[in-house]
């Protein structure tokens, strides 16, 4: 991959991240406003404060869940990479043994 392609991919990833974060912020604000609207006995200022606190809480939870998901994905990647290396080495060993046995059988058959 060329340097320009890498820069383009990185730029697109940043734009995608920004768009996703803005969508999450809009969702959190909408959830906060809906929650605060349900509390009809509160005054306007109190509703705004509750809405803002709910929004911040919602975003914090989302960040924590995303962070945990990324960490778990990294753990799984490391685990499966190690398993793949182990499997590949075992398979390579079996193929080499198989070729060795096949060569020995052919050598014995050719001597007769």
N, C-alpha and C. Protein backbone atom coordinates (compact mmCIF):
# COMPACT_ATOMS: atom_id res chain seq x y z
N UNK A 1 0.85 -1.16 0.00
CA UNK A 1 0.00 0.00 0.00
C UNK A 1 0.90 1.23 0.00
N UNK A 2 0.63 2.16 -0.88
CA UNK A 2 1.46 3.35 -0.99
C UNK A 2 1.21 4.30 0.18
N UNK A 3 2.15 5.23 0.35
CA UNK A 3 2.05 6.20 1.44
C UNK A 3 0.79 7.06 1.28
N UNK A 4 0.48 7.40 0.04
CA UNK A 4 -0.70 8.23 -0.21
C UNK A 4 -1.99 7.46 0.14
N UNK A 5 -2.01 6.16 -0.20
CA UNK A 5 -3.17 5.33 0.13
C UNK A 5 -3.35 5.21 1.64
N UNK A 6 -2.23 5.09 2.35
CA UNK A 6 -2.30 5.01 3.82
C UNK A 6 -2.84 6.30 4.41
N UNK A 7 -2.37 7.44 3.87
CA UNK A 7 -2.85 8.73 4.36
C UNK A 7 -4.34 8.90 4.07
N UNK A 8 -4.76 8.47 2.88
CA UNK A 8 -6.17 8.56 2.51
C UNK A 8 -7.02 7.69 3.43
N UNK A 9 -6.55 6.46 3.69
CA UNK A 9 -7.29 5.56 4.58
C UNK A 9 -7.37 6.13 5.99
N UNK A 10 -6.28 6.71 6.46
CA UNK A 10 -6.27 7.30 7.80
C UNK A 10 -7.22 8.50 7.86
N UNK A 11 -7.23 9.30 6.82
CA UNK A 11 -8.14 10.44 6.77
C UNK A 11 -9.59 10.01 6.76
N UNK A 12 -9.89 9.00 5.98
CA UNK A 12 -11.26 8.48 5.94
C UNK A 12 -11.66 7.89 7.28
N UNK A 13 -10.73 7.23 7.95
CA UNK A 13 -11.02 6.66 9.27
C UNK A 13 -11.32 7.77 10.28
N UNK A 14 -10.57 8.89 10.19
CA UNK A 14 -10.83 10.02 11.10
C UNK A 14 -12.20 10.63 10.82
N UNK A 15 -12.54 10.78 9.55
CA UNK A 15 -13.85 11.32 9.20
C UNK A 15 -14.95 10.39 9.69
N UNK A 16 -14.77 9.09 9.48
CA UNK A 16 -15.77 8.12 9.95
C UNK A 16 -15.92 8.19 11.46
N UNK A 17 -14.79 8.28 12.17
CA UNK A 17 -14.84 8.38 13.63
C UNK A 17 -15.57 9.63 14.08
N UNK A 18 -15.31 10.73 13.40
CA UNK A 18 -16.00 11.97 13.74
C UNK A 18 -17.51 11.84 13.52
N UNK A 19 -17.90 11.27 12.38
CA UNK A 19 -19.32 11.11 12.09
C UNK A 19 -20.00 10.18 13.09
N UNK A 20 -19.31 9.12 13.47
CA UNK A 20 -19.87 8.19 14.45
C UNK A 20 -20.02 8.88 15.81
N UNK A 21 -19.01 9.68 16.20
CA UNK A 21 -19.10 10.36 17.49
C UNK A 21 -20.22 11.40 17.49
N UNK A 22 -20.41 12.08 16.36
CA UNK A 22 -21.50 13.06 16.28
C UNK A 22 -22.86 12.37 16.34
N UNK A 23 -22.98 11.23 15.71
CA UNK A 23 -24.24 10.47 15.77
C UNK A 23 -24.50 10.01 17.20
N UNK A 24 -23.45 9.57 17.89
CA UNK A 24 -23.59 9.13 19.28
C UNK A 24 -24.00 10.31 20.16
N UNK A 25 -23.42 11.47 19.91
CA UNK A 25 -23.78 12.65 20.69
C UNK A 25 -25.24 13.04 20.46
N UNK A 26 -25.68 13.01 19.19
CA UNK A 26 -27.08 13.33 18.89
C UNK A 26 -28.02 12.34 19.58
N UNK A 27 -27.65 11.06 19.53
CA UNK A 27 -28.48 10.04 20.18
C UNK A 27 -28.54 10.26 21.68
N UNK A 28 -27.39 10.53 22.29
CA UNK A 28 -27.34 10.75 23.74
C UNK A 28 -28.19 11.97 24.13
N UNK A 29 -28.07 13.05 23.35
CA UNK A 29 -28.88 14.24 23.65
C UNK A 29 -30.37 13.94 23.51
N UNK A 30 -30.74 13.21 22.47
CA UNK A 30 -32.15 12.87 22.28
C UNK A 30 -32.66 12.01 23.44
N UNK A 31 -31.85 11.05 23.88
CA UNK A 31 -32.24 10.21 25.01
C UNK A 31 -32.36 11.03 26.29
N UNK A 32 -31.41 11.94 26.49
CA UNK A 32 -31.45 12.79 27.68
C UNK A 32 -32.66 13.69 27.69
N UNK A 33 -32.97 14.28 26.54
CA UNK A 33 -34.14 15.14 26.45
C UNK A 33 -35.42 14.36 26.67
N UNK A 34 -35.52 13.17 26.10
CA UNK A 34 -36.72 12.34 26.28
C UNK A 34 -36.89 11.95 27.75
N UNK A 35 -35.77 11.62 28.40
CA UNK A 35 -35.83 11.25 29.82
C UNK A 35 -36.30 12.45 30.65
N UNK A 36 -35.72 13.61 30.39
CA UNK A 36 -36.07 14.80 31.16
C UNK A 36 -37.52 15.24 30.90
N UNK A 37 -38.00 15.08 29.67
CA UNK A 37 -39.38 15.45 29.35
C UNK A 37 -40.38 14.62 30.14
N UNK A 38 -40.01 13.38 30.45
CA UNK A 38 -40.91 12.50 31.20
C UNK A 38 -41.07 12.96 32.65
N UNK A 39 -40.15 13.75 33.13
CA UNK A 39 -40.20 14.24 34.51
C UNK A 39 -40.94 15.58 34.50
N UNK A 40 -42.24 15.51 34.35
CA UNK A 40 -43.07 16.70 34.13
C UNK A 40 -43.11 17.66 35.31
N UNK A 41 -42.82 17.22 36.51
CA UNK A 41 -42.88 18.07 37.69
C UNK A 41 -41.66 18.98 37.83
N UNK A 42 -40.62 18.74 36.99
CA UNK A 42 -39.42 19.58 37.09
C UNK A 42 -39.61 20.89 36.33
N UNK A 43 -38.90 21.89 36.77
CA UNK A 43 -38.91 23.16 36.06
C UNK A 43 -38.00 23.07 34.84
N UNK A 44 -38.03 24.10 34.04
CA UNK A 44 -37.26 24.13 32.79
C UNK A 44 -35.76 23.98 33.04
N UNK A 45 -35.23 24.72 34.00
CA UNK A 45 -33.80 24.65 34.30
C UNK A 45 -33.40 23.28 34.82
N UNK A 46 -34.26 22.72 35.65
CA UNK A 46 -33.98 21.38 36.19
C UNK A 46 -34.01 20.33 35.08
N UNK A 47 -34.97 20.46 34.18
CA UNK A 47 -35.03 19.52 33.05
C UNK A 47 -33.77 19.61 32.20
N UNK A 48 -33.31 20.83 31.97
CA UNK A 48 -32.09 20.99 31.18
C UNK A 48 -30.89 20.35 31.87
N UNK A 49 -30.80 20.53 33.17
CA UNK A 49 -29.69 19.94 33.92
C UNK A 49 -29.77 18.40 33.90
N UNK A 50 -30.95 17.87 34.12
CA UNK A 50 -31.14 16.41 34.09
C UNK A 50 -30.81 15.88 32.70
N UNK A 51 -31.28 16.59 31.68
CA UNK A 51 -31.00 16.18 30.30
C UNK A 51 -29.50 16.14 30.04
N UNK A 52 -28.79 17.17 30.48
CA UNK A 52 -27.33 17.24 30.27
C UNK A 52 -26.61 16.13 31.04
N UNK A 53 -27.02 15.91 32.28
CA UNK A 53 -26.39 14.84 33.08
C UNK A 53 -26.64 13.47 32.46
N UNK A 54 -27.87 13.25 31.99
CA UNK A 54 -28.20 11.98 31.34
C UNK A 54 -27.37 11.81 30.09
N UNK A 55 -27.23 12.88 29.31
CA UNK A 55 -26.42 12.84 28.08
C UNK A 55 -24.99 12.46 28.39
N UNK A 56 -24.39 13.11 29.39
CA UNK A 56 -23.01 12.81 29.77
C UNK A 56 -22.86 11.37 30.27
N UNK A 57 -23.83 10.93 31.05
CA UNK A 57 -23.81 9.55 31.56
C UNK A 57 -23.91 8.56 30.40
N UNK A 58 -24.81 8.83 29.48
CA UNK A 58 -25.00 7.98 28.31
C UNK A 58 -23.70 7.88 27.49
N UNK A 59 -23.05 9.01 27.26
CA UNK A 59 -21.80 9.03 26.50
C UNK A 59 -20.68 8.30 27.24
N UNK A 60 -20.63 8.48 28.56
CA UNK A 60 -19.61 7.79 29.36
C UNK A 60 -19.79 6.28 29.29
N UNK A 61 -21.05 5.82 29.41
CA UNK A 61 -21.32 4.38 29.31
C UNK A 61 -20.95 3.84 27.94
N UNK A 62 -21.30 4.60 26.92
CA UNK A 62 -20.99 4.17 25.54
C UNK A 62 -19.48 4.07 25.35
N UNK A 63 -18.73 5.03 25.87
CA UNK A 63 -17.27 5.01 25.77
C UNK A 63 -16.70 3.80 26.50
N UNK A 64 -17.21 3.54 27.70
CA UNK A 64 -16.73 2.39 28.47
C UNK A 64 -17.01 1.08 27.74
N UNK A 65 -18.20 0.97 27.16
CA UNK A 65 -18.54 -0.26 26.44
C UNK A 65 -17.66 -0.42 25.20
N UNK A 66 -17.43 0.67 24.49
CA UNK A 66 -16.59 0.61 23.30
C UNK A 66 -15.15 0.26 23.67
N UNK A 67 -14.65 0.85 24.74
CA UNK A 67 -13.30 0.55 25.21
C UNK A 67 -13.17 -0.92 25.59
N UNK A 68 -14.17 -1.46 26.29
CA UNK A 68 -14.15 -2.87 26.67
C UNK A 68 -14.22 -3.77 25.44
N UNK A 69 -15.01 -3.38 24.46
CA UNK A 69 -15.12 -4.17 23.24
C UNK A 69 -13.81 -4.20 22.48
N UNK A 70 -13.15 -3.04 22.38
CA UNK A 70 -11.86 -2.96 21.69
C UNK A 70 -10.82 -3.80 22.42
N UNK A 71 -10.81 -3.72 23.75
CA UNK A 71 -9.84 -4.51 24.53
C UNK A 71 -10.08 -6.00 24.32
N UNK A 72 -11.34 -6.42 24.32
CA UNK A 72 -11.64 -7.84 24.12
C UNK A 72 -11.27 -8.27 22.72
N UNK A 73 -11.49 -7.41 21.74
CA UNK A 73 -11.11 -7.74 20.36
C UNK A 73 -9.60 -7.94 20.25
N UNK A 74 -8.84 -7.10 20.93
CA UNK A 74 -7.38 -7.24 20.93
C UNK A 74 -6.96 -8.55 21.60
N UNK A 75 -7.63 -8.89 22.71
CA UNK A 75 -7.32 -10.16 23.38
C UNK A 75 -7.60 -11.34 22.45
N UNK A 76 -8.75 -11.31 21.80
CA UNK A 76 -9.10 -12.40 20.88
C UNK A 76 -8.15 -12.46 19.71
N UNK A 77 -7.75 -11.32 19.19
CA UNK A 77 -6.80 -11.29 18.08
C UNK A 77 -5.49 -11.96 18.48
N UNK A 78 -4.99 -11.60 19.66
CA UNK A 78 -3.74 -12.20 20.14
C UNK A 78 -3.91 -13.70 20.35
N UNK A 79 -5.02 -14.09 20.94
CA UNK A 79 -5.25 -15.51 21.21
C UNK A 79 -5.34 -16.31 19.91
N UNK A 80 -6.12 -15.84 18.97
CA UNK A 80 -6.29 -16.58 17.73
C UNK A 80 -5.05 -16.53 16.85
N UNK A 81 -4.27 -15.46 16.93
CA UNK A 81 -3.01 -15.41 16.20
C UNK A 81 -2.06 -16.47 16.73
N UNK A 82 -2.02 -16.60 18.06
CA UNK A 82 -1.15 -17.62 18.67
C UNK A 82 -1.63 -19.01 18.28
N UNK A 83 -2.94 -19.24 18.30
CA UNK A 83 -3.47 -20.55 17.92
C UNK A 83 -3.16 -20.86 16.46
N UNK A 84 -3.27 -19.85 15.60
CA UNK A 84 -3.00 -20.03 14.18
C UNK A 84 -1.53 -20.39 13.97
N UNK A 85 -0.63 -19.69 14.65
CA UNK A 85 0.81 -20.01 14.52
C UNK A 85 1.08 -21.44 14.97
N UNK A 86 0.47 -21.84 16.08
CA UNK A 86 0.65 -23.20 16.60
C UNK A 86 0.11 -24.23 15.60
N UNK A 87 -1.08 -23.99 15.09
CA UNK A 87 -1.68 -24.91 14.12
C UNK A 87 -0.84 -24.99 12.85
N UNK A 88 -0.36 -23.84 12.38
CA UNK A 88 0.45 -23.82 11.17
C UNK A 88 1.75 -24.60 11.36
N UNK A 89 2.37 -24.46 12.52
CA UNK A 89 3.61 -25.20 12.76
C UNK A 89 3.34 -26.70 12.87
N UNK A 90 2.23 -27.08 13.51
CA UNK A 90 1.89 -28.51 13.59
C UNK A 90 1.61 -29.08 12.21
N UNK A 91 0.87 -28.33 11.41
CA UNK A 91 0.53 -28.79 10.06
C UNK A 91 1.78 -28.91 9.20
N UNK A 92 2.69 -27.95 9.32
CA UNK A 92 3.94 -28.02 8.57
C UNK A 92 4.73 -29.26 8.98
N UNK A 93 4.78 -29.53 10.28
CA UNK A 93 5.47 -30.72 10.76
C UNK A 93 4.84 -32.00 10.23
N UNK A 94 3.51 -32.07 10.23
CA UNK A 94 2.82 -33.26 9.72
C UNK A 94 3.07 -33.45 8.23
N UNK A 95 3.07 -32.36 7.48
CA UNK A 95 3.34 -32.46 6.04
C UNK A 95 4.76 -32.96 5.80
N UNK A 96 5.71 -32.44 6.56
CA UNK A 96 7.10 -32.89 6.41
C UNK A 96 7.25 -34.37 6.77
N UNK A 97 6.60 -34.79 7.84
CA UNK A 97 6.63 -36.21 8.21
C UNK A 97 5.98 -37.05 7.11
N UNK A 98 4.86 -36.56 6.59
CA UNK A 98 4.18 -37.28 5.52
C UNK A 98 5.06 -37.43 4.29
N UNK A 99 5.74 -36.36 3.90
CA UNK A 99 6.66 -36.46 2.76
C UNK A 99 7.81 -37.40 3.05
N UNK A 100 8.29 -37.38 4.29
CA UNK A 100 9.38 -38.29 4.66
C UNK A 100 8.95 -39.74 4.56
N UNK A 101 7.76 -40.03 5.09
CA UNK A 101 7.23 -41.40 5.03
C UNK A 101 7.01 -41.79 3.57
N UNK A 102 6.44 -40.91 2.79
CA UNK A 102 6.19 -41.20 1.38
C UNK A 102 7.50 -41.46 0.64
N UNK A 103 8.52 -40.67 0.92
CA UNK A 103 9.83 -40.87 0.29
C UNK A 103 10.41 -42.22 0.69
N UNK A 104 10.28 -42.58 1.96
CA UNK A 104 10.81 -43.87 2.44
C UNK A 104 10.08 -45.02 1.77
N UNK A 105 8.76 -44.92 1.65
CA UNK A 105 7.97 -45.97 1.00
C UNK A 105 8.38 -46.09 -0.46
N UNK A 106 8.54 -45.00 -1.17
CA UNK A 106 8.95 -45.02 -2.57
C UNK A 106 10.35 -45.61 -2.71
N UNK A 107 11.24 -45.25 -1.78
CA UNK A 107 12.60 -45.79 -1.83
C UNK A 107 12.59 -47.30 -1.64
N UNK A 108 11.76 -47.79 -0.72
CA UNK A 108 11.68 -49.23 -0.50
C UNK A 108 11.07 -49.95 -1.70
N UNK A 109 10.07 -49.36 -2.29
CA UNK A 109 9.42 -49.97 -3.45
C UNK A 109 10.34 -50.00 -4.68
N UNK A 110 11.17 -48.99 -4.82
CA UNK A 110 12.07 -48.91 -5.97
C UNK A 110 13.24 -49.88 -5.83
N UNK A 111 13.59 -50.31 -4.64
CA UNK A 111 14.71 -51.24 -4.42
C UNK A 111 14.33 -52.66 -4.79
N UNK A 112 13.08 -52.98 -4.82
CA UNK A 112 12.66 -54.36 -5.10
C UNK A 112 12.88 -54.71 -6.48
